[in-house]
Amino acid sequence: MELFAFDKAFYDKGPKLVAGVDEAGRGPLAGPVVASAVALSKNCIIDNLNDSKKLSPKKREILFKIIKEKALFYAISVVDSNTIDKINILQATLLAMKNSILQLEKKPDICLIDGNCKVKQLDIVQETIVAGDAKSAAIAAASVLAKVTRDTLMDKYAKEYPLYGFEKHKGYGTKKHIEAIKEYGICPIHRKSFAPICNINQLKQRIG
């Protein structure tokens, strides 16, 4: 598989431990951003592994368990909506990525970071890879762990705040979600700094 050959090429250059890093939840109007770091062995193969966006929810759930079983190490980090509002979504994403890397049981020799931004204040070699979740097995694995974790959290929030349909759109700005915000105001997990939320006048804060 091309994904695994991509990572193997990094191992062949000398690093003993390669970790892939990805996030889920940069774009939604509500909920946290979640990042994961995953280290797979040089010869690891996981059937049907792919960018989480290209997988059905059922396949992601199956792979979520397999990845955790086959990974050498993995970690998942969650940064909440309040922090996102305070430091902006890019910095919150990089914070989640940094935390996930630092939580790994063993320090990687190199981190393959999805996207084009390196993680600041991290004493580890980093390689940024645009669309990395479609190229690297470790990044794809990280994307699955992050996505499934975030979706599970949003399903829990859907029970706590049932007016918004979080179980369906996971916090993204669908028409029905925006209509619910206009009708009911925002709840504690909405990102107040995000448009169109910050542009809607006289929002009613719903608590509980």
N, C-alpha and C. Protein backbone atom coordinates (compact mmCIF):
# COMPACT_ATOMS: atom_id res chain seq x y z
N MET A 1 0.84 -1.21 0.00
CA MET A 1 0.00 0.00 0.00
C MET A 1 0.87 1.25 0.00
N GLU A 2 0.46 2.24 -0.76
CA GLU A 2 1.25 3.46 -0.91
C GLU A 2 1.44 4.20 0.41
N LEU A 3 0.39 4.22 1.23
CA LEU A 3 0.47 4.92 2.52
C LEU A 3 1.61 4.39 3.37
N PHE A 4 1.74 3.08 3.41
CA PHE A 4 2.76 2.46 4.25
C PHE A 4 4.15 2.57 3.61
N ALA A 5 4.20 2.52 2.29
CA ALA A 5 5.48 2.71 1.60
C ALA A 5 6.01 4.12 1.84
N PHE A 6 5.12 5.08 1.91
CA PHE A 6 5.50 6.47 2.17
C PHE A 6 6.21 6.57 3.52
N ASP A 7 5.64 5.97 4.55
CA ASP A 7 6.25 6.02 5.89
C ASP A 7 7.53 5.20 5.94
N LYS A 8 7.54 4.07 5.27
CA LYS A 8 8.72 3.21 5.26
C LYS A 8 9.93 3.94 4.68
N ALA A 9 9.67 4.83 3.72
CA ALA A 9 10.75 5.61 3.13
C ALA A 9 11.42 6.50 4.16
N PHE A 10 10.65 7.01 5.13
CA PHE A 10 11.24 7.80 6.21
C PHE A 10 12.05 6.91 7.13
N TYR A 11 11.54 5.72 7.46
CA TYR A 11 12.29 4.79 8.30
C TYR A 11 13.61 4.40 7.63
N ASP A 12 13.58 4.22 6.32
CA ASP A 12 14.78 3.80 5.59
C ASP A 12 15.88 4.86 5.63
N LYS A 13 15.49 6.11 5.94
CA LYS A 13 16.47 7.19 6.03
C LYS A 13 17.20 7.20 7.37
N GLY A 14 16.70 6.42 8.34
CA GLY A 14 17.40 6.34 9.61
C GLY A 14 16.59 6.47 10.88
N PRO A 15 15.50 7.27 10.89
CA PRO A 15 14.74 7.41 12.14
C PRO A 15 14.22 6.07 12.66
N LYS A 16 14.29 5.88 13.95
CA LYS A 16 13.83 4.64 14.55
C LYS A 16 12.34 4.70 14.92
N LEU A 17 11.83 5.91 15.12
CA LEU A 17 10.41 6.03 15.48
C LEU A 17 9.79 7.22 14.74
N VAL A 18 8.86 6.92 13.86
CA VAL A 18 8.16 7.93 13.07
C VAL A 18 6.73 8.04 13.57
N ALA A 19 6.27 9.25 13.85
CA ALA A 19 4.90 9.47 14.30
C ALA A 19 4.15 10.36 13.31
N GLY A 20 2.90 10.03 13.07
CA GLY A 20 2.04 10.87 12.24
C GLY A 20 1.11 11.66 13.14
N VAL A 21 0.80 12.90 12.73
CA VAL A 21 -0.02 13.79 13.56
C VAL A 21 -1.09 14.43 12.69
N ASP A 22 -2.33 14.40 13.16
CA ASP A 22 -3.42 15.03 12.43
C ASP A 22 -4.48 15.48 13.41
N GLU A 23 -5.43 16.28 12.89
CA GLU A 23 -6.49 16.83 13.73
C GLU A 23 -7.85 16.62 13.09
N ALA A 24 -8.88 16.83 13.89
CA ALA A 24 -10.26 16.83 13.41
C ALA A 24 -10.99 17.98 14.10
N GLY A 25 -11.78 18.72 13.33
CA GLY A 25 -12.63 19.74 13.94
C GLY A 25 -12.15 21.16 13.85
N ARG A 26 -11.41 21.50 12.81
CA ARG A 26 -11.01 22.91 12.66
C ARG A 26 -12.18 23.78 12.21
N GLY A 27 -13.06 23.24 11.38
CA GLY A 27 -14.08 24.06 10.74
C GLY A 27 -15.42 24.21 11.43
N PRO A 28 -15.81 23.34 12.35
CA PRO A 28 -17.15 23.43 12.94
C PRO A 28 -17.39 24.71 13.73
N LEU A 29 -18.67 24.99 13.94
CA LEU A 29 -19.09 26.15 14.74
C LEU A 29 -19.18 25.81 16.22
N ALA A 30 -19.07 24.54 16.54
CA ALA A 30 -19.22 24.12 17.94
C ALA A 30 -18.32 22.93 18.23
N GLY A 31 -17.99 22.79 19.51
CA GLY A 31 -17.21 21.64 19.95
C GLY A 31 -15.71 21.86 19.90
N PRO A 32 -14.96 20.88 20.35
CA PRO A 32 -13.51 21.00 20.45
C PRO A 32 -12.80 20.70 19.14
N VAL A 33 -11.52 20.98 19.12
CA VAL A 33 -10.64 20.46 18.07
C VAL A 33 -9.85 19.34 18.73
N VAL A 34 -9.69 18.24 18.01
CA VAL A 34 -9.04 17.05 18.56
C VAL A 34 -7.86 16.69 17.67
N ALA A 35 -6.74 16.37 18.28
CA ALA A 35 -5.56 15.94 17.52
C ALA A 35 -5.07 14.60 18.05
N SER A 36 -4.41 13.87 17.18
CA SER A 36 -3.84 12.59 17.58
C SER A 36 -2.45 12.44 17.00
N ALA A 37 -1.62 11.73 17.71
CA ALA A 37 -0.29 11.35 17.24
C ALA A 37 -0.20 9.83 17.30
N VAL A 38 0.28 9.23 16.21
CA VAL A 38 0.34 7.77 16.13
C VAL A 38 1.69 7.34 15.57
N ALA A 39 2.33 6.41 16.25
CA ALA A 39 3.57 5.81 15.76
C ALA A 39 3.30 4.37 15.37
N LEU A 40 3.56 4.04 14.10
CA LEU A 40 3.41 2.68 13.61
C LEU A 40 4.79 2.09 13.34
N SER A 41 4.91 0.80 13.44
CA SER A 41 6.20 0.16 13.15
C SER A 41 6.51 0.23 11.66
N LYS A 42 7.76 0.03 11.33
CA LYS A 42 8.23 0.15 9.94
C LYS A 42 7.47 -0.77 8.99
N ASN A 43 7.14 -1.97 9.44
CA ASN A 43 6.50 -2.96 8.58
C ASN A 43 5.01 -3.15 8.88
N CYS A 44 4.44 -2.22 9.61
CA CYS A 44 3.02 -2.32 9.96
C CYS A 44 2.15 -2.18 8.71
N ILE A 45 1.12 -3.01 8.63
CA ILE A 45 0.11 -2.91 7.58
C ILE A 45 -1.26 -2.97 8.24
N ILE A 46 -2.11 -2.03 7.92
CA ILE A 46 -3.49 -2.03 8.40
C ILE A 46 -4.40 -1.95 7.18
N ASP A 47 -5.12 -3.02 6.94
CA ASP A 47 -5.98 -3.08 5.76
C ASP A 47 -7.03 -1.98 5.78
N ASN A 48 -7.27 -1.39 4.61
CA ASN A 48 -8.33 -0.38 4.40
C ASN A 48 -8.06 0.96 5.09
N LEU A 49 -6.86 1.14 5.62
CA LEU A 49 -6.55 2.43 6.24
C LEU A 49 -6.53 3.52 5.18
N ASN A 50 -7.13 4.65 5.51
CA ASN A 50 -7.19 5.77 4.56
C ASN A 50 -7.46 7.05 5.33
N ASP A 51 -7.40 8.16 4.64
CA ASP A 51 -7.83 9.44 5.18
C ASP A 51 -9.22 9.27 5.78
N SER A 52 -9.42 9.70 7.01
CA SER A 52 -10.69 9.48 7.70
C SER A 52 -11.88 10.07 6.95
N LYS A 53 -11.65 11.14 6.20
CA LYS A 53 -12.74 11.78 5.45
C LYS A 53 -13.24 10.89 4.31
N LYS A 54 -12.43 9.92 3.91
CA LYS A 54 -12.80 9.04 2.81
C LYS A 54 -13.41 7.71 3.30
N LEU A 55 -13.58 7.59 4.60
CA LEU A 55 -14.10 6.38 5.20
C LEU A 55 -15.49 6.59 5.76
N SER A 56 -16.30 5.57 5.72
CA SER A 56 -17.64 5.65 6.34
C SER A 56 -17.48 5.62 7.85
N PRO A 57 -18.49 6.13 8.59
CA PRO A 57 -18.41 6.07 10.06
C PRO A 57 -18.18 4.66 10.58
N LYS A 58 -18.81 3.67 9.96
CA LYS A 58 -18.65 2.29 10.42
C LYS A 58 -17.21 1.82 10.23
N LYS A 59 -16.61 2.12 9.08
CA LYS A 59 -15.23 1.72 8.82
C LYS A 59 -14.26 2.44 9.75
N ARG A 60 -14.57 3.72 10.04
CA ARG A 60 -13.71 4.45 10.98
C ARG A 60 -13.75 3.81 12.37
N GLU A 61 -14.92 3.39 12.80
CA GLU A 61 -15.05 2.76 14.12
C GLU A 61 -14.24 1.47 14.18
N ILE A 62 -14.28 0.68 13.11
CA ILE A 62 -13.52 -0.57 13.06
C ILE A 62 -12.02 -0.27 13.09
N LEU A 63 -11.60 0.67 12.27
CA LEU A 63 -10.17 1.02 12.20
C LEU A 63 -9.69 1.65 13.50
N PHE A 64 -10.55 2.38 14.18
CA PHE A 64 -10.20 3.02 15.45
C PHE A 64 -9.66 1.96 16.42
N LYS A 65 -10.33 0.84 16.51
CA LYS A 65 -9.92 -0.23 17.42
C LYS A 65 -8.65 -0.91 16.93
N ILE A 66 -8.57 -1.15 15.61
CA ILE A 66 -7.40 -1.83 15.05
C ILE A 66 -6.14 -0.98 15.20
N ILE A 67 -6.27 0.32 14.94
CA ILE A 67 -5.12 1.22 15.06
C ILE A 67 -4.58 1.23 16.49
N LYS A 68 -5.48 1.31 17.45
CA LYS A 68 -5.04 1.33 18.85
C LYS A 68 -4.35 0.02 19.24
N GLU A 69 -4.77 -1.08 18.62
CA GLU A 69 -4.15 -2.38 18.91
C GLU A 69 -2.79 -2.51 18.24
N LYS A 70 -2.65 -1.99 17.00
CA LYS A 70 -1.43 -2.20 16.22
C LYS A 70 -0.38 -1.10 16.39
N ALA A 71 -0.78 0.05 16.84
CA ALA A 71 0.17 1.16 16.97
C ALA A 71 1.22 0.85 18.03
N LEU A 72 2.43 1.30 17.79
CA LEU A 72 3.46 1.21 18.82
C LEU A 72 3.07 2.10 19.99
N PHE A 73 2.68 3.33 19.65
CA PHE A 73 2.22 4.31 20.63
C PHE A 73 1.18 5.19 19.96
N TYR A 74 0.27 5.71 20.76
CA TYR A 74 -0.66 6.71 20.25
C TYR A 74 -1.12 7.60 21.40
N ALA A 75 -1.54 8.79 21.07
CA ALA A 75 -2.09 9.71 22.07
C ALA A 75 -3.11 10.61 21.39
N ILE A 76 -4.08 11.05 22.18
CA ILE A 76 -5.15 11.90 21.67
C ILE A 76 -5.30 13.10 22.60
N SER A 77 -5.43 14.29 22.03
CA SER A 77 -5.55 15.51 22.82
C SER A 77 -6.76 16.31 22.36
N VAL A 78 -7.48 16.88 23.33
CA VAL A 78 -8.69 17.66 23.06
C VAL A 78 -8.50 19.09 23.56
N VAL A 79 -8.81 20.06 22.72
CA VAL A 79 -8.78 21.47 23.12
C VAL A 79 -10.19 22.03 22.95
N ASP A 80 -10.76 22.57 24.02
CA ASP A 80 -12.17 22.94 24.01
C ASP A 80 -12.46 24.26 23.30
N SER A 81 -13.74 24.53 23.13
CA SER A 81 -14.18 25.71 22.37
C SER A 81 -13.80 27.02 23.04
N ASN A 82 -13.75 27.04 24.36
CA ASN A 82 -13.36 28.27 25.06
C ASN A 82 -11.91 28.64 24.74
N THR A 83 -11.05 27.64 24.71
CA THR A 83 -9.65 27.89 24.35
C THR A 83 -9.53 28.32 22.90
N ILE A 84 -10.32 27.70 22.03
CA ILE A 84 -10.33 28.09 20.62
C ILE A 84 -10.67 29.57 20.49
N ASP A 85 -11.67 30.03 21.24
CA ASP A 85 -12.07 31.44 21.18
C ASP A 85 -10.97 32.36 21.71
N LYS A 86 -10.21 31.88 22.67
CA LYS A 86 -9.16 32.71 23.28
C LYS A 86 -7.92 32.84 22.40
N ILE A 87 -7.52 31.75 21.76
CA ILE A 87 -6.22 31.78 21.08
C ILE A 87 -6.32 31.60 19.56
N ASN A 88 -7.49 31.41 19.05
CA ASN A 88 -7.86 31.18 17.64
C ASN A 88 -7.68 29.72 17.25
N ILE A 89 -8.35 29.32 16.18
CA ILE A 89 -8.42 27.90 15.83
C ILE A 89 -7.08 27.33 15.37
N LEU A 90 -6.27 28.13 14.67
CA LEU A 90 -4.98 27.62 14.24
C LEU A 90 -4.10 27.29 15.44
N GLN A 91 -4.01 28.24 16.39
CA GLN A 91 -3.18 28.02 17.57
C GLN A 91 -3.74 26.89 18.43
N ALA A 92 -5.06 26.77 18.49
CA ALA A 92 -5.68 25.69 19.26
C ALA A 92 -5.37 24.33 18.62
N THR A 93 -5.38 24.31 17.29
CA THR A 93 -5.05 23.08 16.57
C THR A 93 -3.60 22.67 16.83
N LEU A 94 -2.69 23.64 16.73
CA LEU A 94 -1.28 23.35 16.98
C LEU A 94 -1.04 22.94 18.43
N LEU A 95 -1.80 23.52 19.35
CA LEU A 95 -1.70 23.14 20.76
C LEU A 95 -2.14 21.69 20.95
N ALA A 96 -3.25 21.33 20.33
CA ALA A 96 -3.73 19.94 20.43
C ALA A 96 -2.71 18.98 19.84
N MET A 97 -2.13 19.35 18.72
CA MET A 97 -1.10 18.51 18.10
C MET A 97 0.11 18.35 19.02
N LYS A 98 0.56 19.48 19.57
CA LYS A 98 1.72 19.45 20.47
C LYS A 98 1.45 18.56 21.68
N ASN A 99 0.28 18.72 22.27
CA ASN A 99 -0.07 17.92 23.45
C ASN A 99 -0.11 16.43 23.12
N SER A 100 -0.64 16.10 21.96
CA SER A 100 -0.72 14.68 21.59
C SER A 100 0.68 14.09 21.40
N ILE A 101 1.57 14.86 20.80
CA ILE A 101 2.95 14.39 20.61
C ILE A 101 3.64 14.20 21.96
N LEU A 102 3.49 15.18 22.84
CA LEU A 102 4.15 15.12 24.15
C LEU A 102 3.59 14.01 25.03
N GLN A 103 2.37 13.58 24.74
CA GLN A 103 1.74 12.52 25.54
C GLN A 103 2.13 11.11 25.07
N LEU A 104 2.83 11.01 23.95
CA LEU A 104 3.28 9.69 23.49
C LEU A 104 4.23 9.07 24.52
N GLU A 105 4.15 7.77 24.66
CA GLU A 105 4.97 7.08 25.65
C GLU A 105 6.46 7.20 25.35
N LYS A 106 6.80 7.32 24.08
CA LYS A 106 8.19 7.46 23.68
C LYS A 106 8.33 8.61 22.70
N LYS A 107 9.39 9.39 22.85
CA LYS A 107 9.61 10.55 21.98
C LYS A 107 9.95 10.09 20.57
N PRO A 108 9.22 10.56 19.56
CA PRO A 108 9.53 10.18 18.18
C PRO A 108 10.83 10.82 17.70
N ASP A 109 11.45 10.20 16.72
CA ASP A 109 12.62 10.80 16.07
C ASP A 109 12.19 11.84 15.05
N ILE A 110 11.01 11.64 14.47
CA ILE A 110 10.46 12.59 13.52
C ILE A 110 8.93 12.53 13.57
N CYS A 111 8.32 13.69 13.43
CA CYS A 111 6.86 13.77 13.36
C CYS A 111 6.44 14.23 11.97
N LEU A 112 5.55 13.48 11.37
CA LEU A 112 4.97 13.86 10.09
C LEU A 112 3.67 14.60 10.39
N ILE A 113 3.65 15.90 10.12
CA ILE A 113 2.53 16.76 10.49
C ILE A 113 1.64 17.01 9.28
N ASP A 114 0.36 16.71 9.41
CA ASP A 114 -0.56 17.02 8.31
C ASP A 114 -0.70 18.53 8.17
N GLY A 115 -0.60 19.02 6.94
CA GLY A 115 -0.74 20.46 6.70
C GLY A 115 0.59 21.11 6.39
N ASN A 116 0.62 22.44 6.56
CA ASN A 116 1.84 23.19 6.21
C ASN A 116 2.39 24.00 7.39
N CYS A 117 1.94 23.71 8.59
CA CYS A 117 2.40 24.44 9.78
C CYS A 117 3.09 23.51 10.77
N LYS A 118 4.31 23.84 11.12
CA LYS A 118 5.02 23.07 12.14
C LYS A 118 4.53 23.46 13.52
N VAL A 119 4.68 22.54 14.45
CA VAL A 119 4.29 22.78 15.84
C VAL A 119 5.41 23.54 16.54
N LYS A 120 5.07 24.66 17.15
CA LYS A 120 6.07 25.51 17.79
C LYS A 120 6.53 24.91 19.12
N GLN A 121 7.74 25.29 19.50
CA GLN A 121 8.33 24.90 20.78
C GLN A 121 8.30 23.39 21.00
N LEU A 122 8.69 22.67 19.97
CA LEU A 122 8.73 21.21 20.04
C LEU A 122 10.11 20.74 19.58
N ASP A 123 10.85 20.13 20.49
CA ASP A 123 12.23 19.73 20.21
C ASP A 123 12.27 18.35 19.52
N ILE A 124 11.59 18.29 18.38
CA ILE A 124 11.55 17.06 17.58
C ILE A 124 11.58 17.47 16.11
N VAL A 125 12.29 16.71 15.30
CA VAL A 125 12.30 16.98 13.85
C VAL A 125 10.87 16.84 13.31
N GLN A 126 10.46 17.80 12.48
CA GLN A 126 9.11 17.77 11.93
C GLN A 126 9.15 17.88 10.40
N GLU A 127 8.25 17.18 9.76
CA GLU A 127 8.07 17.27 8.33
C GLU A 127 6.59 17.57 8.08
N THR A 128 6.31 18.74 7.51
CA THR A 128 4.92 19.06 7.21
C THR A 128 4.55 18.48 5.85
N ILE A 129 3.35 17.91 5.78
CA ILE A 129 2.91 17.24 4.55
C ILE A 129 1.48 17.66 4.24
N VAL A 130 1.32 18.46 3.20
CA VAL A 130 -0.01 18.89 2.79
C VAL A 130 -0.79 17.67 2.29
N ALA A 131 -2.04 17.56 2.77
CA ALA A 131 -2.87 16.39 2.45
C ALA A 131 -2.19 15.10 2.91
N GLY A 132 -1.50 15.20 4.03
CA GLY A 132 -0.74 14.07 4.55
C GLY A 132 -1.59 12.87 4.91
N ASP A 133 -2.85 13.10 5.26
CA ASP A 133 -3.72 11.98 5.64
C ASP A 133 -4.06 11.09 4.45
N ALA A 134 -3.77 11.56 3.24
CA ALA A 134 -3.97 10.74 2.04
C ALA A 134 -2.65 10.18 1.51
N LYS A 135 -1.53 10.47 2.22
CA LYS A 135 -0.22 10.04 1.74
C LYS A 135 0.50 9.13 2.74
N SER A 136 0.36 9.45 4.02
CA SER A 136 1.11 8.75 5.07
C SER A 136 0.19 7.87 5.92
N ALA A 137 0.63 6.63 6.16
CA ALA A 137 -0.16 5.71 6.98
C ALA A 137 -0.31 6.22 8.41
N ALA A 138 0.78 6.74 8.98
CA ALA A 138 0.73 7.21 10.36
C ALA A 138 -0.19 8.42 10.50
N ILE A 139 -0.14 9.32 9.52
CA ILE A 139 -1.03 10.49 9.55
C ILE A 139 -2.47 10.05 9.35
N ALA A 140 -2.71 9.12 8.43
CA ALA A 140 -4.06 8.61 8.21
C ALA A 140 -4.60 7.96 9.49
N ALA A 141 -3.75 7.20 10.17
CA ALA A 141 -4.16 6.57 11.43
C ALA A 141 -4.51 7.62 12.47
N ALA A 142 -3.69 8.68 12.53
CA ALA A 142 -3.97 9.77 13.46
C ALA A 142 -5.29 10.46 13.11
N SER A 143 -5.57 10.59 11.83
CA SER A 143 -6.81 11.25 11.41
C SER A 143 -8.03 10.44 11.84
N VAL A 144 -7.91 9.13 11.79
CA VAL A 144 -9.02 8.27 12.22
C VAL A 144 -9.25 8.38 13.73
N LEU A 145 -8.18 8.31 14.50
CA LEU A 145 -8.32 8.42 15.96
C LEU A 145 -8.92 9.76 16.36
N ALA A 146 -8.45 10.83 15.71
CA ALA A 146 -8.95 12.16 16.04
C ALA A 146 -10.42 12.31 15.65
N LYS A 147 -10.76 11.86 14.46
CA LYS A 147 -12.12 11.99 13.96
C LYS A 147 -13.12 11.20 14.79
N VAL A 148 -12.82 9.95 15.07
CA VAL A 148 -13.74 9.12 15.85
C VAL A 148 -13.89 9.67 17.27
N THR A 149 -12.79 10.11 17.86
CA THR A 149 -12.86 10.68 19.20
C THR A 149 -13.74 11.91 19.22
N ARG A 150 -13.56 12.79 18.24
CA ARG A 150 -14.37 14.01 18.20
C ARG A 150 -15.84 13.71 17.94
N ASP A 151 -16.12 12.81 17.02
CA ASP A 151 -17.51 12.47 16.72
C ASP A 151 -18.20 11.89 17.95
N THR A 152 -17.47 11.07 18.70
CA THR A 152 -18.03 10.49 19.93
C THR A 152 -18.34 11.58 20.95
N LEU A 153 -17.45 12.56 21.08
CA LEU A 153 -17.70 13.68 21.98
C LEU A 153 -18.92 14.47 21.55
N MET A 154 -19.06 14.71 20.24
CA MET A 154 -20.21 15.47 19.75
C MET A 154 -21.51 14.72 19.95
N ASP A 155 -21.48 13.40 19.87
CA ASP A 155 -22.68 12.60 20.16
C ASP A 155 -23.09 12.76 21.62
N LYS A 156 -22.10 12.85 22.50
CA LYS A 156 -22.40 13.07 23.92
C LYS A 156 -22.98 14.48 24.14
N TYR A 157 -22.39 15.46 23.46
CA TYR A 157 -22.91 16.82 23.57
C TYR A 157 -24.33 16.93 23.02
N ALA A 158 -24.66 16.09 22.05
CA ALA A 158 -26.01 16.11 21.46
C ALA A 158 -27.06 15.76 22.51
N LYS A 159 -26.70 14.90 23.45
CA LYS A 159 -27.64 14.53 24.51
C LYS A 159 -27.74 15.65 25.56
N GLU A 160 -26.64 16.37 25.74
CA GLU A 160 -26.63 17.46 26.72
C GLU A 160 -27.31 18.71 26.17
N TYR A 161 -27.16 18.94 24.87
CA TYR A 161 -27.76 20.11 24.22
C TYR A 161 -28.55 19.64 22.99
N PRO A 162 -29.74 19.07 23.21
CA PRO A 162 -30.48 18.38 22.15
C PRO A 162 -31.11 19.28 21.09
N LEU A 163 -31.09 20.59 21.28
CA LEU A 163 -31.76 21.49 20.34
C LEU A 163 -31.01 21.68 19.03
N TYR A 164 -29.74 21.29 18.99
CA TYR A 164 -28.89 21.68 17.86
C TYR A 164 -28.59 20.57 16.85
N GLY A 165 -28.90 19.34 17.18
CA GLY A 165 -28.64 18.24 16.25
C GLY A 165 -27.17 17.89 16.07
N PHE A 166 -26.38 18.04 17.14
CA PHE A 166 -24.95 17.77 17.04
C PHE A 166 -24.64 16.34 16.58
N GLU A 167 -25.55 15.40 16.89
CA GLU A 167 -25.32 14.01 16.49
C GLU A 167 -25.34 13.84 14.97
N LYS A 168 -25.93 14.79 14.27
CA LYS A 168 -26.04 14.70 12.81
C LYS A 168 -24.90 15.43 12.09
N HIS A 169 -24.66 16.68 12.49
CA HIS A 169 -23.67 17.49 11.76
C HIS A 169 -22.35 17.68 12.51
N LYS A 170 -22.28 17.17 13.75
CA LYS A 170 -21.05 17.22 14.55
C LYS A 170 -20.54 18.65 14.78
N GLY A 171 -21.44 19.62 14.72
CA GLY A 171 -21.07 21.00 14.99
C GLY A 171 -20.77 21.83 13.77
N TYR A 172 -20.77 21.23 12.59
CA TYR A 172 -20.49 21.99 11.36
C TYR A 172 -21.66 22.92 11.03
N GLY A 173 -21.38 23.91 10.20
CA GLY A 173 -22.35 24.98 9.95
C GLY A 173 -23.39 24.64 8.90
N THR A 174 -24.16 23.60 9.14
CA THR A 174 -25.24 23.26 8.22
C THR A 174 -26.38 24.27 8.35
N LYS A 175 -27.26 24.23 7.38
CA LYS A 175 -28.40 25.16 7.39
C LYS A 175 -29.24 24.98 8.65
N LYS A 176 -29.52 23.75 9.01
CA LYS A 176 -30.34 23.49 10.20
C LYS A 176 -29.63 23.92 11.48
N HIS A 177 -28.32 23.75 11.51
CA HIS A 177 -27.56 24.16 12.69
C HIS A 177 -27.63 25.68 12.86
N ILE A 178 -27.42 26.40 11.78
CA ILE A 178 -27.46 27.86 11.85
C ILE A 178 -28.86 28.36 12.20
N GLU A 179 -29.87 27.68 11.67
CA GLU A 179 -31.26 28.05 12.01
C GLU A 179 -31.52 27.83 13.49
N ALA A 180 -30.97 26.74 14.05
CA ALA A 180 -31.13 26.47 15.48
C ALA A 180 -30.44 27.53 16.33
N ILE A 181 -29.28 27.97 15.90
CA ILE A 181 -28.57 29.03 16.63
C ILE A 181 -29.38 30.31 16.63
N LYS A 182 -29.96 30.65 15.50
CA LYS A 182 -30.77 31.86 15.41
C LYS A 182 -32.01 31.77 16.28
N GLU A 183 -32.59 30.58 16.36
CA GLU A 183 -33.82 30.40 17.14
C GLU A 183 -33.57 30.28 18.64
N TYR A 184 -32.54 29.52 19.01
CA TYR A 184 -32.33 29.21 20.42
C TYR A 184 -31.14 29.93 21.05
N GLY A 185 -30.35 30.62 20.24
CA GLY A 185 -29.12 31.20 20.76
C GLY A 185 -28.03 30.15 20.78
N ILE A 186 -26.94 30.44 21.44
CA ILE A 186 -25.82 29.50 21.48
C ILE A 186 -25.79 28.74 22.80
N CYS A 187 -25.09 27.63 22.78
CA CYS A 187 -24.88 26.85 24.01
C CYS A 187 -23.40 26.94 24.38
N PRO A 188 -23.02 26.42 25.54
CA PRO A 188 -21.65 26.60 26.02
C PRO A 188 -20.53 26.04 25.13
N ILE A 189 -20.84 25.13 24.22
CA ILE A 189 -19.76 24.58 23.39
C ILE A 189 -19.65 25.27 22.03
N HIS A 190 -20.48 26.28 21.77
CA HIS A 190 -20.36 27.01 20.51
C HIS A 190 -19.12 27.91 20.54
N ARG A 191 -18.52 28.08 19.36
CA ARG A 191 -17.33 28.92 19.21
C ARG A 191 -17.78 30.35 18.92
N LYS A 192 -17.72 31.17 19.93
CA LYS A 192 -18.24 32.54 19.82
C LYS A 192 -17.46 33.43 18.86
N SER A 193 -16.22 33.05 18.57
CA SER A 193 -15.38 33.85 17.68
C SER A 193 -15.60 33.51 16.21
N PHE A 194 -16.38 32.48 15.93
CA PHE A 194 -16.59 32.03 14.56
C PHE A 194 -17.77 32.72 13.92
N ALA A 195 -17.61 33.11 12.65
CA ALA A 195 -18.75 33.55 11.86
C ALA A 195 -19.52 32.30 11.42
N PRO A 196 -20.88 32.36 11.37
CA PRO A 196 -21.69 33.57 11.54
C PRO A 196 -22.10 33.84 12.98
N ILE A 197 -21.63 33.02 13.93
CA ILE A 197 -22.06 33.22 15.32
C ILE A 197 -21.73 34.61 15.81
N CYS A 198 -20.51 35.06 15.56
CA CYS A 198 -20.10 36.37 16.06
C CYS A 198 -20.82 37.51 15.34
N ASN A 199 -21.49 37.20 14.24
CA ASN A 199 -22.21 38.25 13.49
C ASN A 199 -23.71 38.27 13.76
N ILE A 200 -24.19 37.30 14.48
CA ILE A 200 -25.62 37.25 14.79
C ILE A 200 -25.88 38.12 16.02
N ASN A 201 -26.68 39.11 15.86
CA ASN A 201 -26.95 40.06 16.95
C ASN A 201 -27.89 39.47 18.00
N GLN A 202 -27.66 39.87 19.24
CA GLN A 202 -28.54 39.55 20.35
C GLN A 202 -28.74 38.05 20.50
N LEU A 203 -27.62 37.31 20.47
CA LEU A 203 -27.71 35.87 20.68
C LEU A 203 -28.16 35.59 22.11
N LYS A 204 -28.98 34.59 22.25
CA LYS A 204 -29.43 34.19 23.58
C LYS A 204 -28.55 33.04 24.07
N GLN A 205 -27.91 33.25 25.19
CA GLN A 205 -27.04 32.23 25.74
C GLN A 205 -27.88 31.20 26.47
N ARG A 206 -27.82 29.94 25.95
CA ARG A 206 -28.52 28.86 26.62
C ARG A 206 -27.52 28.11 27.49
N ILE A 207 -27.88 27.93 28.71
CA ILE A 207 -27.03 27.17 29.63
C ILE A 207 -27.87 26.05 30.22
N GLY A 208 -27.32 24.85 30.11
CA GLY A 208 -28.04 23.68 30.62
C GLY A 208 -28.99 23.10 29.60
